[in-house]
Amino acid sequence: MKTLVRVTLLAAAAALSVGAVAQTAKPAAAKHDHNAMLLDQAIAGAHRSAANKARDPYRHPKETLAFFGIKPNMTVVEIAPGGGWYTEILGPYLANGGTLYAAAANPAASERAAKSVADFKTKLAATPGTAKVQVTSFAKDHYANLAPAGSADAVLTFRNVHNWYSGGFAPDAFKAFYAALKPGGTLGVVEHRLPEARPDEQQKTSGYMKRSEVVKLAEAAGFKLAGESEVNANPKDTADYPDGVWTLPPNYRLGDVDRAKYAAIGESDRMTLKFVKPAR
């Protein structure tokens, strides 16, 4: 009888434990669903143009940001936002509870850089949900102002590494990202992918980068590779075009020459890499 009672009590305790785990799991799932809902709303927002939304099937913003682990309460730095394609998603997503630093060009560098920053700020002013975006700067020999040191949960860059590589300051750029991140913070990189068998020199002119080179740059700055995704892969892209990656859409640098051929290929094949700054 004592054995039977003991077995019954153990079974009851196990059932209570399973129930407690199930109960604690529900709020976490609900929170995840809420974050996904906020991201969906930002991506589907009326503030985004039809032309920008048309690029979603190539850029996969929801899957990419989810892979990088971006949550709406984070401090995020977007490096070289360009025209603000990702900014108009990240801004509304982080508007309530998070912070977004948009590290644009250094306006003191040239008239062209100053104009690009002014145009970017004008776009932000006209984009709902982006009023809290803090525009900072990032350029060659100008790294200290992208965000306060050790403040960021994540630093993100989309299709920019080739510019820093060809400009000769990629190592310094990655060191700056490392300095901006908190220990344990994430560096998310999306970049046009050059096949490993190609000559290294093509990285300076084609707009494509080898995965091995990007990993080497990140690890030299102190990062650890934490994961990679094929969400932005395009097996149709052969990365061997007359005007490099800019031959493909959306640039179509060759104009109408073989335009249908390049349209059928679509946007470039891209690596999606997640690095982590080791915790102390």
Protein backbone atom coordinates (compact mmCIF):
# COMPACT_ATOMS: atom_id res chain seq x y z
CA MET A 1 0.00 0.00 0.00
CA LYS A 2 2.83 2.42 0.85
CA THR A 3 4.38 1.76 -2.57
CA LEU A 4 1.06 2.47 -4.29
CA VAL A 5 0.63 5.73 -2.38
CA ARG A 6 4.18 6.79 -3.24
CA VAL A 7 3.67 6.07 -6.95
CA THR A 8 0.38 7.98 -6.93
CA LEU A 9 1.97 11.01 -5.25
CA LEU A 10 4.87 11.01 -7.72
CA ALA A 11 2.46 10.83 -10.65
CA ALA A 12 0.48 13.73 -9.25
CA ALA A 13 3.63 15.79 -8.74
CA ALA A 14 4.72 15.06 -12.30
CA ALA A 15 1.33 16.13 -13.63
CA LEU A 16 1.53 19.38 -11.66
CA SER A 17 5.04 20.00 -13.01
CA VAL A 18 3.92 19.43 -16.61
CA GLY A 19 0.97 21.74 -16.02
CA ALA A 20 3.25 24.43 -14.64
CA VAL A 21 5.53 24.18 -17.68
CA ALA A 22 2.53 24.43 -20.00
CA GLN A 23 1.24 27.47 -18.12
CA THR A 24 4.59 29.26 -18.26
CA ALA A 25 4.96 28.45 -21.97
CA LYS A 26 1.72 30.18 -22.94
CA PRO A 27 2.75 33.76 -22.07
CA ALA A 28 6.06 33.32 -23.95
CA ALA A 29 4.20 32.11 -27.04
CA ALA A 30 1.73 34.97 -26.73
CA LYS A 31 4.57 37.48 -26.47
CA HIS A 32 6.22 35.99 -29.56
CA ASP A 33 2.95 36.22 -31.47
CA HIS A 34 2.59 39.86 -30.42
CA ASN A 35 6.07 40.67 -31.70
CA ALA A 36 5.30 38.93 -34.99
CA MET A 37 2.06 40.89 -35.25
CA LEU A 38 3.90 44.19 -34.75
CA LEU A 39 6.42 43.24 -37.41
CA ASP A 40 3.64 42.23 -39.81
CA GLN A 41 1.98 45.59 -39.25
CA ALA A 42 5.20 47.48 -39.96
CA ILE A 43 5.82 45.52 -43.16
CA ALA A 44 2.23 45.88 -44.38
CA GLY A 45 1.96 49.55 -43.40
CA ALA A 46 0.39 52.03 -45.80
CA HIS A 47 3.46 54.26 -45.41
CA ARG A 48 5.45 51.81 -47.56
CA SER A 49 5.30 52.40 -51.30
CA ALA A 50 4.13 49.74 -53.73
CA ALA A 51 7.62 49.72 -55.25
CA ASN A 52 9.23 48.97 -51.90
CA LYS A 53 6.70 46.26 -51.04
CA ALA A 54 7.37 44.66 -54.42
CA ARG A 55 10.91 43.91 -53.22
CA ASP A 56 9.75 41.97 -50.15
CA PRO A 57 9.91 38.60 -51.99
CA TYR A 58 13.63 39.22 -52.60
CA ARG A 59 14.54 40.80 -49.27
CA HIS A 60 12.32 38.73 -46.94
CA PRO A 61 12.20 41.37 -44.18
CA LYS A 62 10.07 39.36 -41.76
CA GLU A 63 12.15 36.20 -41.96
CA THR A 64 15.43 38.12 -41.95
CA LEU A 65 14.65 40.23 -38.88
CA ALA A 66 13.24 37.18 -37.08
CA PHE A 67 16.45 35.26 -37.82
CA PHE A 68 18.49 38.11 -36.34
CA GLY A 69 16.25 38.00 -33.27
CA ILE A 70 15.09 41.61 -33.48
CA LYS A 71 12.44 42.43 -30.87
CA PRO A 72 10.42 45.66 -30.52
CA ASN A 73 12.05 46.64 -27.22
CA MET A 74 15.62 46.50 -28.52
CA THR A 75 18.18 49.19 -29.27
CA VAL A 76 19.12 48.62 -32.90
CA VAL A 77 21.68 50.32 -35.15
CA GLU A 78 21.09 50.21 -38.91
CA ILE A 79 24.34 50.88 -40.75
CA ALA A 80 24.22 52.84 -44.03
CA PRO A 81 20.42 52.87 -44.42
CA GLY A 82 20.58 54.35 -47.92
CA GLY A 83 17.10 55.34 -49.03
CA GLY A 84 15.56 53.87 -45.90
CA TRP A 85 14.03 50.67 -47.26
CA TYR A 86 14.61 48.80 -44.00
CA THR A 87 14.30 51.93 -41.87
CA GLU A 88 10.63 52.31 -42.76
CA ILE A 89 10.07 48.83 -41.33
CA LEU A 90 12.39 49.03 -38.32
CA GLY A 91 11.24 52.53 -37.31
CA PRO A 92 7.58 51.66 -36.70
CA TYR A 93 8.48 48.24 -35.28
CA LEU A 94 10.76 49.80 -32.64
CA ALA A 95 8.69 52.96 -32.10
CA ASN A 96 7.16 51.89 -28.79
CA GLY A 97 9.73 50.51 -26.40
CA GLY A 98 12.78 50.31 -28.66
CA THR A 99 15.38 52.64 -30.14
CA LEU A 100 16.66 52.84 -33.70
CA TYR A 101 19.90 54.57 -34.65
CA ALA A 102 20.19 55.10 -38.40
CA ALA A 103 23.89 55.52 -39.07
CA ALA A 104 23.78 57.42 -42.36
CA ALA A 105 26.63 59.10 -44.23
CA ASN A 106 28.87 61.75 -42.70
CA PRO A 107 27.28 65.00 -43.95
CA ALA A 108 30.58 66.85 -43.53
CA ALA A 109 32.32 64.56 -46.02
CA SER A 110 30.92 66.11 -49.20
CA GLU A 111 27.97 67.94 -50.71
CA ARG A 112 26.66 64.64 -52.03
CA ALA A 113 26.83 63.06 -48.57
CA ALA A 114 25.13 66.09 -47.02
CA LYS A 115 22.32 65.88 -49.57
CA SER A 116 21.82 62.16 -49.00
CA VAL A 117 21.47 62.72 -45.25
CA ALA A 118 19.07 65.63 -45.79
CA ASP A 119 16.96 63.51 -48.16
CA PHE A 120 16.95 60.66 -45.66
CA LYS A 121 15.76 62.95 -42.85
CA THR A 122 13.03 64.34 -45.12
CA LYS A 123 11.81 60.83 -45.78
CA LEU A 124 11.78 60.03 -42.06
CA ALA A 125 9.73 63.14 -41.35
CA ALA A 126 7.11 61.93 -43.84
CA THR A 127 7.08 58.30 -42.64
CA PRO A 128 4.68 57.40 -39.81
CA GLY A 129 6.37 55.74 -36.85
CA THR A 130 9.86 56.99 -37.59
CA ALA A 131 9.81 60.25 -35.62
CA LYS A 132 11.93 58.69 -32.87
CA VAL A 133 14.64 57.40 -35.21
CA GLN A 134 17.97 58.95 -34.24
CA VAL A 135 20.06 59.79 -37.29
CA THR A 136 23.77 59.38 -36.59
CA SER A 137 26.72 58.99 -38.95
CA PHE A 138 29.12 56.35 -40.20
CA ALA A 139 31.82 56.64 -42.85
CA LYS A 140 35.49 55.96 -43.46
CA ASP A 141 37.55 57.34 -40.54
CA HIS A 142 34.27 58.39 -38.91
CA TYR A 143 33.11 55.59 -36.63
CA ALA A 144 32.61 56.97 -33.13
CA ASN A 145 29.20 58.55 -33.67
CA LEU A 146 27.11 55.65 -34.97
CA ALA A 147 25.74 54.89 -31.46
CA PRO A 148 26.89 55.17 -27.84
CA ALA A 149 29.52 52.54 -27.03
CA GLY A 150 28.07 49.36 -25.58
CA SER A 151 24.48 50.50 -26.05
CA ALA A 152 23.12 48.35 -28.88
CA ASP A 153 21.37 45.01 -28.71
CA ALA A 154 21.85 44.60 -32.45
CA VAL A 155 23.74 46.16 -35.34
CA LEU A 156 22.33 45.43 -38.80
CA THR A 157 23.75 46.01 -42.25
CA PHE A 158 22.16 45.12 -45.56
CA ARG A 159 24.29 44.75 -48.73
CA ASN A 160 27.02 47.18 -47.68
CA VAL A 161 30.15 45.17 -46.86
CA HIS A 162 31.41 45.31 -50.47
CA ASN A 163 31.52 49.13 -50.27
CA TRP A 164 33.69 49.09 -47.16
CA TYR A 165 35.89 46.36 -48.62
CA SER A 166 36.51 48.21 -51.87
CA GLY A 167 37.02 51.41 -49.89
CA GLY A 168 39.69 49.79 -47.73
CA PHE A 169 38.02 50.28 -44.34
CA ALA A 170 36.04 47.09 -43.74
CA PRO A 171 38.19 45.99 -40.75
CA ASP A 172 37.63 49.33 -39.01
CA ALA A 173 33.91 49.16 -39.75
CA PHE A 174 33.53 45.80 -38.04
CA LYS A 175 35.53 47.03 -35.05
CA ALA A 176 33.13 49.98 -34.76
CA PHE A 177 30.13 47.63 -34.76
CA TYR A 178 31.76 45.57 -32.02
CA ALA A 179 32.27 48.69 -29.91
CA ALA A 180 28.65 49.81 -30.30
CA LEU A 181 27.21 46.47 -29.17
CA LYS A 182 26.48 45.28 -25.67
CA PRO A 183 28.20 42.03 -24.62
CA GLY A 184 26.04 39.29 -26.08
CA GLY A 185 24.71 41.63 -28.77
CA THR A 186 24.06 40.58 -32.36
CA LEU A 187 25.62 41.71 -35.63
CA GLY A 188 23.35 40.83 -38.55
CA VAL A 189 24.85 40.91 -42.05
CA VAL A 190 23.11 40.47 -45.40
CA GLU A 191 25.47 40.65 -48.38
CA HIS A 192 25.65 39.72 -52.06
CA ARG A 193 27.43 36.36 -52.21
CA LEU A 194 30.40 35.61 -54.45
CA PRO A 195 31.23 31.91 -55.04
CA GLU A 196 34.32 30.91 -53.08
CA ALA A 197 36.17 29.68 -56.18
CA ARG A 198 36.22 33.13 -57.78
CA PRO A 199 39.33 35.35 -57.60
CA ASP A 200 39.47 37.55 -54.50
CA GLU A 201 39.94 40.62 -56.68
CA GLN A 202 36.33 40.36 -57.86
CA GLN A 203 35.23 41.44 -54.40
CA LYS A 204 36.58 44.93 -55.09
CA THR A 205 34.62 45.55 -58.28
CA SER A 206 31.64 43.20 -58.58
CA GLY A 207 29.58 44.19 -55.53
CA TYR A 208 29.76 40.59 -54.33
CA MET A 209 31.68 39.26 -51.32
CA LYS A 210 32.84 35.79 -50.37
CA ARG A 211 31.26 34.32 -47.25
CA SER A 212 34.74 33.38 -46.00
CA GLU A 213 35.89 37.01 -46.26
CA VAL A 214 32.91 38.38 -44.35
CA VAL A 215 33.39 35.79 -41.61
CA LYS A 216 37.11 36.61 -41.45
CA LEU A 217 36.39 40.32 -41.07
CA ALA A 218 33.87 39.73 -38.30
CA GLU A 219 36.02 37.27 -36.39
CA ALA A 220 39.05 39.56 -36.62
CA ALA A 221 36.97 42.21 -34.84
CA GLY A 222 36.12 39.77 -32.04
CA PHE A 223 32.76 38.38 -33.20
CA LYS A 224 31.70 34.74 -33.18
CA LEU A 225 29.57 33.28 -35.97
CA ALA A 226 26.29 32.27 -34.33
CA GLY A 227 24.25 31.16 -37.33
CA GLU A 228 23.45 31.59 -40.99
CA SER A 229 20.32 31.39 -43.08
CA GLU A 230 19.54 30.80 -46.74
CA VAL A 231 16.38 32.91 -46.57
CA ASN A 232 17.88 35.45 -49.00
CA ALA A 233 19.52 32.91 -51.33
CA ASN A 234 18.90 32.96 -55.08
CA PRO A 235 20.32 29.94 -56.95
CA LYS A 236 19.60 31.62 -60.30
CA ASP A 237 22.26 34.26 -59.65
CA THR A 238 25.60 33.31 -61.24
CA ALA A 239 27.42 36.45 -60.02
CA ASP A 240 29.27 36.97 -63.32
CA TYR A 241 27.67 39.93 -65.08
CA PRO A 242 29.14 42.78 -67.18
CA ASP A 243 28.44 45.41 -64.52
CA GLY A 244 28.57 43.19 -61.46
CA VAL A 245 25.62 42.89 -59.12
CA TRP A 246 24.23 46.19 -60.43
CA THR A 247 23.39 44.42 -63.71
CA LEU A 248 20.52 42.70 -61.90
CA PRO A 249 17.30 44.30 -60.69
CA PRO A 250 16.54 46.73 -59.24
CA ASN A 251 19.45 48.65 -60.83
CA TYR A 252 19.45 47.23 -64.38
CA ARG A 253 22.65 49.13 -65.11
CA LEU A 254 22.70 47.86 -68.70
CA GLY A 255 19.34 49.46 -69.37
CA ASP A 256 17.29 47.48 -71.87
CA VAL A 257 20.13 45.15 -72.85
CA ASP A 258 19.03 41.61 -71.90
CA ARG A 259 16.61 43.16 -69.42
CA ALA A 260 14.15 40.26 -69.59
CA LYS A 261 17.00 37.82 -68.89
CA TYR A 262 18.09 39.69 -65.77
CA ALA A 263 14.51 40.22 -64.62
CA ALA A 264 14.02 36.44 -64.76
CA ILE A 265 17.06 35.96 -62.51
CA GLY A 266 15.77 38.46 -59.98
CA GLU A 267 17.78 40.16 -57.26
CA SER A 268 21.14 38.81 -56.13
CA ASP A 269 22.01 35.69 -54.20
CA ARG A 270 22.67 36.82 -50.63
CA MET A 271 24.28 35.36 -47.55
CA THR A 272 22.55 36.07 -44.23
CA LEU A 273 24.97 35.79 -41.31
CA LYS A 274 24.43 36.29 -37.59
CA PHE A 275 27.40 37.09 -35.37
CA VAL A 276 27.54 37.61 -31.62
CA LYS A 277 29.78 39.77 -29.46
CA PRO A 278 30.85 37.37 -26.72
CA ALA A 279 29.44 38.08 -23.27
CA ARG A 280 31.96 39.03 -20.63
